[in-house]
Amino acid sequence: MPVDVDLWDSAHVGAYLKVSQRTVAERIAAVPGFPKAVRVPTKGGGRGHPLWPASEVIEWANSGMVDLCEECKVILIEVYTED
């Protein structure tokens, strides 16, 4: 599916950012400026798992992530500097 219309779960976001699913859910998603999650209603009327617009996640990652908290900066700097 094209990224301009795709929705990513925390596993896909984590794979793109090279961090764990847990890191996405507990840290990255809470960072001010990170794209807002979409929750598609379930059959039973509940809220589905958070999904993020892929294009917005990519744009956020490419923006330099200026508004990241200090803890998240450390995580992502380590990820991007490892070869």
PDB file of N, CA and C in Angstrom:
ATOM      1  N   MET A   1       0.845  -1.175   0.000  1.00  0.00           N
ATOM      2  CA  MET A   1       0.000   0.000   0.000  1.00  0.00           C
ATOM      3  C   MET A   1       0.895   1.246   0.000  1.00  0.00           C
ATOM      4  N   PRO A   2       0.555   2.248  -0.768  1.00  0.00           N
ATOM      5  CA  PRO A   2       1.371   3.476  -0.806  1.00  0.00           C
ATOM      6  C   PRO A   2       1.421   4.162   0.563  1.00  0.00           C
ATOM      7  N   VAL A   3       2.582   4.681   0.925  1.00  0.00           N
ATOM      8  CA  VAL A   3       2.737   5.294   2.240  1.00  0.00           C
ATOM      9  C   VAL A   3       1.864   6.522   2.428  1.00  0.00           C
ATOM     10  N   ASP A   4       1.432   7.152   1.364  1.00  0.00           N
ATOM     11  CA  ASP A   4       0.605   8.347   1.535  1.00  0.00           C
ATOM     12  C   ASP A   4      -0.807   8.019   2.017  1.00  0.00           C
ATOM     13  N   VAL A   5      -1.197   6.740   1.979  1.00  0.00           N
ATOM     14  CA  VAL A   5      -2.517   6.337   2.475  1.00  0.00           C
ATOM     15  C   VAL A   5      -2.442   5.222   3.511  1.00  0.00           C
ATOM     16  N   ASP A   6      -1.258   4.697   3.762  1.00  0.00           N
ATOM     17  CA  ASP A   6      -1.114   3.573   4.690  1.00  0.00           C
ATOM     18  C   ASP A   6      -1.157   4.037   6.140  1.00  0.00           C
ATOM     19  N   LEU A   7      -1.642   3.174   7.017  1.00  0.00           N
ATOM     20  CA  LEU A   7      -1.605   3.392   8.455  1.00  0.00           C
ATOM     21  C   LEU A   7      -0.686   2.340   9.061  1.00  0.00           C
ATOM     22  N   TRP A   8       0.233   2.778   9.914  1.00  0.00           N
ATOM     23  CA  TRP A   8       1.190   1.869  10.526  1.00  0.00           C
ATOM     24  C   TRP A   8       0.836   1.633  11.989  1.00  0.00           C
ATOM     25  N   ASP A   9       0.992   0.383  12.420  1.00  0.00           N
ATOM     26  CA  ASP A   9       0.868   0.076  13.844  1.00  0.00           C
ATOM     27  C   ASP A   9       2.228   0.309  14.498  1.00  0.00           C
ATOM     28  N   SER A  10       2.306   0.073  15.803  1.00  0.00           N
ATOM     29  CA  SER A  10       3.566   0.346  16.507  1.00  0.00           C
ATOM     30  C   SER A  10       4.712  -0.525  16.012  1.00  0.00           C
ATOM     31  N   ALA A  11       4.413  -1.717  15.512  1.00  0.00           N
ATOM     32  CA  ALA A  11       5.470  -2.581  14.968  1.00  0.00           C
ATOM     33  C   ALA A  11       6.061  -1.979  13.696  1.00  0.00           C
ATOM     34  N   HIS A  12       5.206  -1.453  12.818  1.00  0.00           N
ATOM     35  CA  HIS A  12       5.691  -0.839  11.578  1.00  0.00           C
ATOM     36  C   HIS A  12       6.454   0.454  11.860  1.00  0.00           C
ATOM     37  N   VAL A  13       5.928   1.265  12.775  1.00  0.00           N
ATOM     38  CA  VAL A  13       6.624   2.502  13.145  1.00  0.00           C
ATOM     39  C   VAL A  13       7.981   2.156  13.744  1.00  0.00           C
ATOM     40  N   GLY A  14       8.011   1.167  14.630  1.00  0.00           N
ATOM     41  CA  GLY A  14       9.271   0.741  15.234  1.00  0.00           C
ATOM     42  C   GLY A  14      10.269   0.233  14.213  1.00  0.00           C
ATOM     43  N   ALA A  15       9.781  -0.538  13.252  1.00  0.00           N
ATOM     44  CA  ALA A  15      10.678  -1.045  12.204  1.00  0.00           C
ATOM     45  C   ALA A  15      11.266   0.112  11.405  1.00  0.00           C
ATOM     46  N   TYR A  16      10.446   1.092  11.095  1.00  0.00           N
ATOM     47  CA  TYR A  16      10.931   2.249  10.324  1.00  0.00           C
ATOM     48  C   TYR A  16      11.955   3.055  11.120  1.00  0.00           C
ATOM     49  N   LEU A  17      11.680   3.259  12.419  1.00  0.00           N
ATOM     50  CA  LEU A  17      12.581   4.051  13.258  1.00  0.00           C
ATOM     51  C   LEU A  17      13.717   3.240  13.864  1.00  0.00           C
ATOM     52  N   LYS A  18      13.687   1.923  13.638  1.00  0.00           N
ATOM     53  CA  LYS A  18      14.708   1.018  14.171  1.00  0.00           C
ATOM     54  C   LYS A  18      14.704   1.004  15.697  1.00  0.00           C
ATOM     55  N   VAL A  19      13.494   0.977  16.267  1.00  0.00           N
ATOM     56  CA  VAL A  19      13.317   0.847  17.708  1.00  0.00           C
ATOM     57  C   VAL A  19      12.259  -0.222  17.942  1.00  0.00           C
ATOM     58  N   SER A  20      12.114  -0.642  19.176  1.00  0.00           N
ATOM     59  CA  SER A  20      11.135  -1.686  19.470  1.00  0.00           C
ATOM     60  C   SER A  20       9.710  -1.141  19.442  1.00  0.00           C
ATOM     61  N   GLN A  21       8.792  -2.048  19.297  1.00  0.00           N
ATOM     62  CA  GLN A  21       7.366  -1.736  19.352  1.00  0.00           C
ATOM     63  C   GLN A  21       7.035  -1.077  20.697  1.00  0.00           C
ATOM     64  N   ARG A  22       7.635  -1.586  21.740  1.00  0.00           N
ATOM     65  CA  ARG A  22       7.412  -1.055  23.084  1.00  0.00           C
ATOM     66  C   ARG A  22       7.912   0.385  23.201  1.00  0.00           C
ATOM     67  N   THR A  23       9.061   0.666  22.616  1.00  0.00           N
ATOM     68  CA  THR A  23       9.597   2.027  22.643  1.00  0.00           C
ATOM     69  C   THR A  23       8.651   2.986  21.936  1.00  0.00           C
ATOM     70  N   VAL A  24       8.077   2.546  20.832  1.00  0.00           N
ATOM     71  CA  VAL A  24       7.100   3.384  20.117  1.00  0.00           C
ATOM     72  C   VAL A  24       5.919   3.668  21.031  1.00  0.00           C
ATOM     73  N   ALA A  25       5.340   2.616  21.584  1.00  0.00           N
ATOM     74  CA  ALA A  25       4.132   2.748  22.390  1.00  0.00           C
ATOM     75  C   ALA A  25       4.357   3.562  23.663  1.00  0.00           C
ATOM     76  N   GLU A  26       5.485   3.353  24.317  1.00  0.00           N
ATOM     77  CA  GLU A  26       5.709   3.976  25.618  1.00  0.00           C
ATOM     78  C   GLU A  26       6.443   5.312  25.566  1.00  0.00           C
ATOM     79  N   ARG A  27       7.231   5.541  24.540  1.00  0.00           N
ATOM     80  CA  ARG A  27       8.050   6.765  24.514  1.00  0.00           C
ATOM     81  C   ARG A  27       7.796   7.633  23.292  1.00  0.00           C
ATOM     82  N   ILE A  28       7.993   7.068  22.123  1.00  0.00           N
ATOM     83  CA  ILE A  28       7.926   7.864  20.903  1.00  0.00           C
ATOM     84  C   ILE A  28       6.538   8.473  20.698  1.00  0.00           C
ATOM     85  N   ALA A  29       5.495   7.673  20.878  1.00  0.00           N
ATOM     86  CA  ALA A  29       4.127   8.155  20.646  1.00  0.00           C
ATOM     87  C   ALA A  29       3.747   9.298  21.581  1.00  0.00           C
ATOM     88  N   ALA A  30       4.419   9.398  22.730  1.00  0.00           N
ATOM     89  CA  ALA A  30       4.119  10.443  23.703  1.00  0.00           C
ATOM     90  C   ALA A  30       4.898  11.728  23.464  1.00  0.00           C
ATOM     91  N   VAL A  31       5.810  11.723  22.522  1.00  0.00           N
ATOM     92  CA  VAL A  31       6.636  12.897  22.253  1.00  0.00           C
ATOM     93  C   VAL A  31       5.775  13.996  21.617  1.00  0.00           C
ATOM     94  N   PRO A  32       5.846  15.214  22.159  1.00  0.00           N
ATOM     95  CA  PRO A  32       5.108  16.313  21.530  1.00  0.00           C
ATOM     96  C   PRO A  32       5.530  16.466  20.071  1.00  0.00           C
ATOM     97  N   GLY A  33       4.566  16.600  19.204  1.00  0.00           N
ATOM     98  CA  GLY A  33       4.866  16.751  17.780  1.00  0.00           C
ATOM     99  C   GLY A  33       4.794  15.460  16.997  1.00  0.00           C
ATOM    100  N   PHE A  34       4.801  14.300  17.703  1.00  0.00           N
ATOM    101  CA  PHE A  34       4.665  13.034  16.990  1.00  0.00           C
ATOM    102  C   PHE A  34       3.240  12.954  16.463  1.00  0.00           C
ATOM    103  N   PRO A  35       3.044  12.388  15.264  1.00  0.00           N
ATOM    104  CA  PRO A  35       1.697  12.326  14.685  1.00  0.00           C
ATOM    105  C   PRO A  35       0.672  11.696  15.622  1.00  0.00           C
ATOM    106  N   LYS A  36      -0.526  12.210  15.547  1.00  0.00           N
ATOM    107  CA  LYS A  36      -1.625  11.704  16.373  1.00  0.00           C
ATOM    108  C   LYS A  36      -2.089  10.356  15.828  1.00  0.00           C
ATOM    109  N   ALA A  37      -2.329   9.424  16.743  1.00  0.00           N
ATOM    110  CA  ALA A  37      -2.789   8.088  16.351  1.00  0.00           C
ATOM    111  C   ALA A  37      -4.255   8.116  15.949  1.00  0.00           C
ATOM    112  N   VAL A  38      -4.582   7.229  15.029  1.00  0.00           N
ATOM    113  CA  VAL A  38      -5.956   6.995  14.602  1.00  0.00           C
ATOM    114  C   VAL A  38      -6.372   5.677  15.242  1.00  0.00           C
ATOM    115  N   ARG A  39      -7.568   5.608  15.750  1.00  0.00           N
ATOM    116  CA  ARG A  39      -8.079   4.355  16.324  1.00  0.00           C
ATOM    117  C   ARG A  39      -9.369   4.002  15.609  1.00  0.00           C
ATOM    118  N   VAL A  40      -9.301   2.997  14.775  1.00  0.00           N
ATOM    119  CA  VAL A  40     -10.466   2.549  14.018  1.00  0.00           C
ATOM    120  C   VAL A  40     -11.359   1.747  14.957  1.00  0.00           C
ATOM    121  N   PRO A  41     -12.656   2.080  15.023  1.00  0.00           N
ATOM    122  CA  PRO A  41     -13.551   1.333  15.906  1.00  0.00           C
ATOM    123  C   PRO A  41     -13.591  -0.151  15.549  1.00  0.00           C
ATOM    124  N   THR A  42     -13.745  -0.978  16.571  1.00  0.00           N
ATOM    125  CA  THR A  42     -13.836  -2.422  16.362  1.00  0.00           C
ATOM    126  C   THR A  42     -15.290  -2.834  16.180  1.00  0.00           C
ATOM    127  N   LYS A  43     -15.490  -4.074  15.791  1.00  0.00           N
ATOM    128  CA  LYS A  43     -16.841  -4.614  15.603  1.00  0.00           C
ATOM    129  C   LYS A  43     -17.699  -4.453  16.847  1.00  0.00           C
ATOM    130  N   GLY A  44     -17.104  -4.695  17.993  1.00  0.00           N
ATOM    131  CA  GLY A  44     -17.838  -4.635  19.246  1.00  0.00           C
ATOM    132  C   GLY A  44     -18.048  -3.223  19.769  1.00  0.00           C
ATOM    133  N   GLY A  45     -17.611  -2.235  19.018  1.00  0.00           N
ATOM    134  CA  GLY A  45     -17.789  -0.849  19.430  1.00  0.00           C
ATOM    135  C   GLY A  45     -16.640  -0.275  20.234  1.00  0.00           C
ATOM    136  N   GLY A  46     -15.610  -1.080  20.457  1.00  0.00           N
ATOM    137  CA  GLY A  46     -14.440  -0.596  21.191  1.00  0.00           C
ATOM    138  C   GLY A  46     -13.502   0.197  20.288  1.00  0.00           C
ATOM    139  N   ARG A  47     -12.406   0.607  20.879  1.00  0.00           N
ATOM    140  CA  ARG A  47     -11.387   1.333  20.112  1.00  0.00           C
ATOM    141  C   ARG A  47     -10.297   0.360  19.692  1.00  0.00           C
ATOM    142  N   GLY A  48      -9.891   0.452  18.453  1.00  0.00           N
ATOM    143  CA  GLY A  48      -8.835  -0.412  17.953  1.00  0.00           C
ATOM    144  C   GLY A  48      -7.465   0.043  18.428  1.00  0.00           C
ATOM    145  N   HIS A  49      -6.457  -0.715  18.042  1.00  0.00           N
ATOM    146  CA  HIS A  49      -5.080  -0.356  18.374  1.00  0.00           C
ATOM    147  C   HIS A  49      -4.704   0.944  17.670  1.00  0.00           C
ATOM    148  N   PRO A  50      -3.770   1.696  18.263  1.00  0.00           N
ATOM    149  CA  PRO A  50      -3.371   2.941  17.621  1.00  0.00           C
ATOM    150  C   PRO A  50      -2.672   2.666  16.290  1.00  0.00           C
ATOM    151  N   LEU A  51      -3.004   3.479  15.325  1.00  0.00           N
ATOM    152  CA  LEU A  51      -2.400   3.427  13.992  1.00  0.00           C
ATOM    153  C   LEU A  51      -1.979   4.842  13.625  1.00  0.00           C
ATOM    154  N   TRP A  52      -0.838   4.970  12.994  1.00  0.00           N
ATOM    155  CA  TRP A  52      -0.329   6.283  12.622  1.00  0.00           C
ATOM    156  C   TRP A  52      -0.220   6.387  11.109  1.00  0.00           C
ATOM    157  N   PRO A  53      -0.591   7.542  10.545  1.00  0.00           N
ATOM    158  CA  PRO A  53      -0.414   7.737   9.104  1.00  0.00           C
ATOM    159  C   PRO A  53       1.070   7.624   8.747  1.00  0.00           C
ATOM    160  N   ALA A  54       1.386   6.681   7.878  1.00  0.00           N
ATOM    161  CA  ALA A  54       2.783   6.413   7.529  1.00  0.00           C
ATOM    162  C   ALA A  54       3.485   7.660   7.014  1.00  0.00           C
ATOM    163  N   SER A  55       2.806   8.413   6.162  1.00  0.00           N
ATOM    164  CA  SER A  55       3.440   9.606   5.589  1.00  0.00           C
ATOM    165  C   SER A  55       3.781  10.629   6.666  1.00  0.00           C
ATOM    166  N   GLU A  56       2.951  10.735   7.706  1.00  0.00           N
ATOM    167  CA  GLU A  56       3.221  11.677   8.792  1.00  0.00           C
ATOM    168  C   GLU A  56       4.386  11.212   9.668  1.00  0.00           C
ATOM    169  N   VAL A  57       4.495   9.903   9.875  1.00  0.00           N
ATOM    170  CA  VAL A  57       5.627   9.364  10.644  1.00  0.00           C
ATOM    171  C   VAL A  57       6.927   9.630   9.896  1.00  0.00           C
ATOM    172  N   ILE A  58       6.922   9.391   8.602  1.00  0.00           N
ATOM    173  CA  ILE A  58       8.120   9.634   7.784  1.00  0.00           C
ATOM    174  C   ILE A  58       8.485  11.108   7.799  1.00  0.00           C
ATOM    175  N   GLU A  59       7.490  11.971   7.632  1.00  0.00           N
ATOM    176  CA  GLU A  59       7.735  13.421   7.658  1.00  0.00           C
ATOM    177  C   GLU A  59       8.295  13.849   9.005  1.00  0.00           C
ATOM    178  N   TRP A  60       7.719  13.318  10.097  1.00  0.00           N
ATOM    179  CA  TRP A  60       8.201  13.634  11.441  1.00  0.00           C
ATOM    180  C   TRP A  60       9.656  13.201  11.610  1.00  0.00           C
ATOM    181  N   ALA A  61       9.966  11.988  11.171  1.00  0.00           N
ATOM    182  CA  ALA A  61      11.334  11.468  11.307  1.00  0.00           C
ATOM    183  C   ALA A  61      12.327  12.299  10.508  1.00  0.00           C
ATOM    184  N   ASN A  62      11.908  12.757   9.341  1.00  0.00           N
ATOM    185  CA  ASN A  62      12.793  13.552   8.480  1.00  0.00           C
ATOM    186  C   ASN A  62      12.894  15.011   8.906  1.00  0.00           C
ATOM    187  N   SER A  63      12.037  15.428   9.825  1.00  0.00           N
ATOM    188  CA  SER A  63      12.025  16.826  10.254  1.00  0.00           C
ATOM    189  C   SER A  63      13.143  17.152  11.239  1.00  0.00           C
ATOM    190  N   GLY A  64      13.855  16.152  11.677  1.00  0.00           N
ATOM    191  CA  GLY A  64      14.900  16.374  12.665  1.00  0.00           C
ATOM    192  C   GLY A  64      14.399  16.176  14.079  1.00  0.00           C
ATOM    193  N   MET A  65      13.112  15.911  14.219  1.00  0.00           N
ATOM    194  CA  MET A  65      12.506  15.614  15.517  1.00  0.00           C
ATOM    195  C   MET A  65      12.892  16.648  16.561  1.00  0.00           C
ATOM    196  N   VAL A  66      12.736  17.914  16.242  1.00  0.00           N
ATOM    197  CA  VAL A  66      13.166  19.023  17.079  1.00  0.00           C
ATOM    198  C   VAL A  66      12.548  19.001  18.463  1.00  0.00           C
ATOM    199  N   ASP A  67      11.295  18.571  18.564  1.00  0.00           N
ATOM    200  CA  ASP A  67      10.594  18.650  19.834  1.00  0.00           C
ATOM    201  C   ASP A  67      10.717  17.391  20.690  1.00  0.00           C
ATOM    202  N   LEU A  68      11.663  16.527  20.400  1.00  0.00           N
ATOM    203  CA  LEU A  68      11.804  15.301  21.191  1.00  0.00           C
ATOM    204  C   LEU A  68      12.234  15.583  22.615  1.00  0.00           C
ATOM    205  N   CYS A  69      11.746  14.766  23.525  1.00  0.00           N
ATOM    206  CA  CYS A  69      12.215  14.854  24.904  1.00  0.00           C
ATOM    207  C   CYS A  69      13.657  14.359  24.954  1.00  0.00           C
ATOM    208  N   GLU A  70      14.370  14.720  25.995  1.00  0.00           N
ATOM    209  CA  GLU A  70      15.778  14.338  26.101  1.00  0.00           C
ATOM    210  C   GLU A  70      15.978  12.828  26.073  1.00  0.00           C
ATOM    211  N   GLU A  71      15.120  12.079  26.758  1.00  0.00           N
ATOM    212  CA  GLU A  71      15.245  10.628  26.800  1.00  0.00           C
ATOM    213  C   GLU A  71      15.090  10.035  25.399  1.00  0.00           C
ATOM    214  N   CYS A  72      14.120  10.528  24.645  1.00  0.00           N
ATOM    215  CA  CYS A  72      13.898  10.007  23.297  1.00  0.00           C
ATOM    216  C   CYS A  72      15.033  10.408  22.364  1.00  0.00           C
ATOM    217  N   LYS A  73      15.601  11.590  22.552  1.00  0.00           N
ATOM    218  CA  LYS A  73      16.732  12.009  21.724  1.00  0.00           C
ATOM    219  C   LYS A  73      17.878  11.010  21.866  1.00  0.00           C
ATOM    220  N   VAL A  74      18.146  10.610  23.086  1.00  0.00           N
ATOM    221  CA  VAL A  74      19.235   9.662  23.337  1.00  0.00           C
ATOM    222  C   VAL A  74      18.956   8.353  22.614  1.00  0.00           C
ATOM    223  N   ILE A  75      17.746   7.860  22.721  1.00  0.00           N
ATOM    224  CA  ILE A  75      17.382   6.599  22.067  1.00  0.00           C
ATOM    225  C   ILE A  75      17.600   6.700  20.563  1.00  0.00           C
ATOM    226  N   LEU A  76      17.070   7.747  19.945  1.00  0.00           N
ATOM    227  CA  LEU A  76      17.136   7.852  18.498  1.00  0.00           C
ATOM    228  C   LEU A  76      18.531   8.204  18.002  1.00  0.00           C
ATOM    229  N   ILE A  77      19.267   8.985  18.767  1.00  0.00           N
ATOM    230  CA  ILE A  77      20.652   9.294  18.370  1.00  0.00           C
ATOM    231  C   ILE A  77      21.451   7.987  18.343  1.00  0.00           C
ATOM    232  N   GLU A  78      21.263   7.130  19.341  1.00  0.00           N
ATOM    233  CA  GLU A  78      21.961   5.841  19.366  1.00  0.00           C
ATOM    234  C   GLU A  78      21.580   4.998  18.154  1.00  0.00           C
ATOM    235  N   VAL A  79      20.315   5.008  17.803  1.00  0.00           N
ATOM    236  CA  VAL A  79      19.846   4.215  16.666  1.00  0.00           C
ATOM    237  C   VAL A  79      20.465   4.712  15.374  1.00  0.00           C
ATOM    238  N   TYR A  80      20.453   6.027  15.162  1.00  0.00           N
ATOM    239  CA  TYR A  80      20.920   6.581  13.899  1.00  0.00           C
ATOM    240  C   TYR A  80      22.432   6.624  13.778  1.00  0.00           C
ATOM    241  N   THR A  81      23.156   6.533  14.877  1.00  0.00           N
ATOM    242  CA  THR A  81      24.607   6.578  14.781  1.00  0.00           C
ATOM    243  C   THR A  81      25.243   5.214  14.735  1.00  0.00           C
ATOM    244  N   GLU A  82      24.457   4.152  14.970  1.00  0.00           N
ATOM    245  CA  GLU A  82      24.995   2.794  14.880  1.00  0.00           C
ATOM    246  C   GLU A  82      25.077   2.378  13.404  1.00  0.00           C
ATOM    247  N   ASP A  83      26.187   1.802  13.033  1.00  0.00           N
ATOM    248  CA  ASP A  83      26.338   1.317  11.642  1.00  0.00           C
ATOM    249  C   ASP A  83      26.566  -0.155  11.610  1.00  0.00           C
TER     250      ASP A  83
END
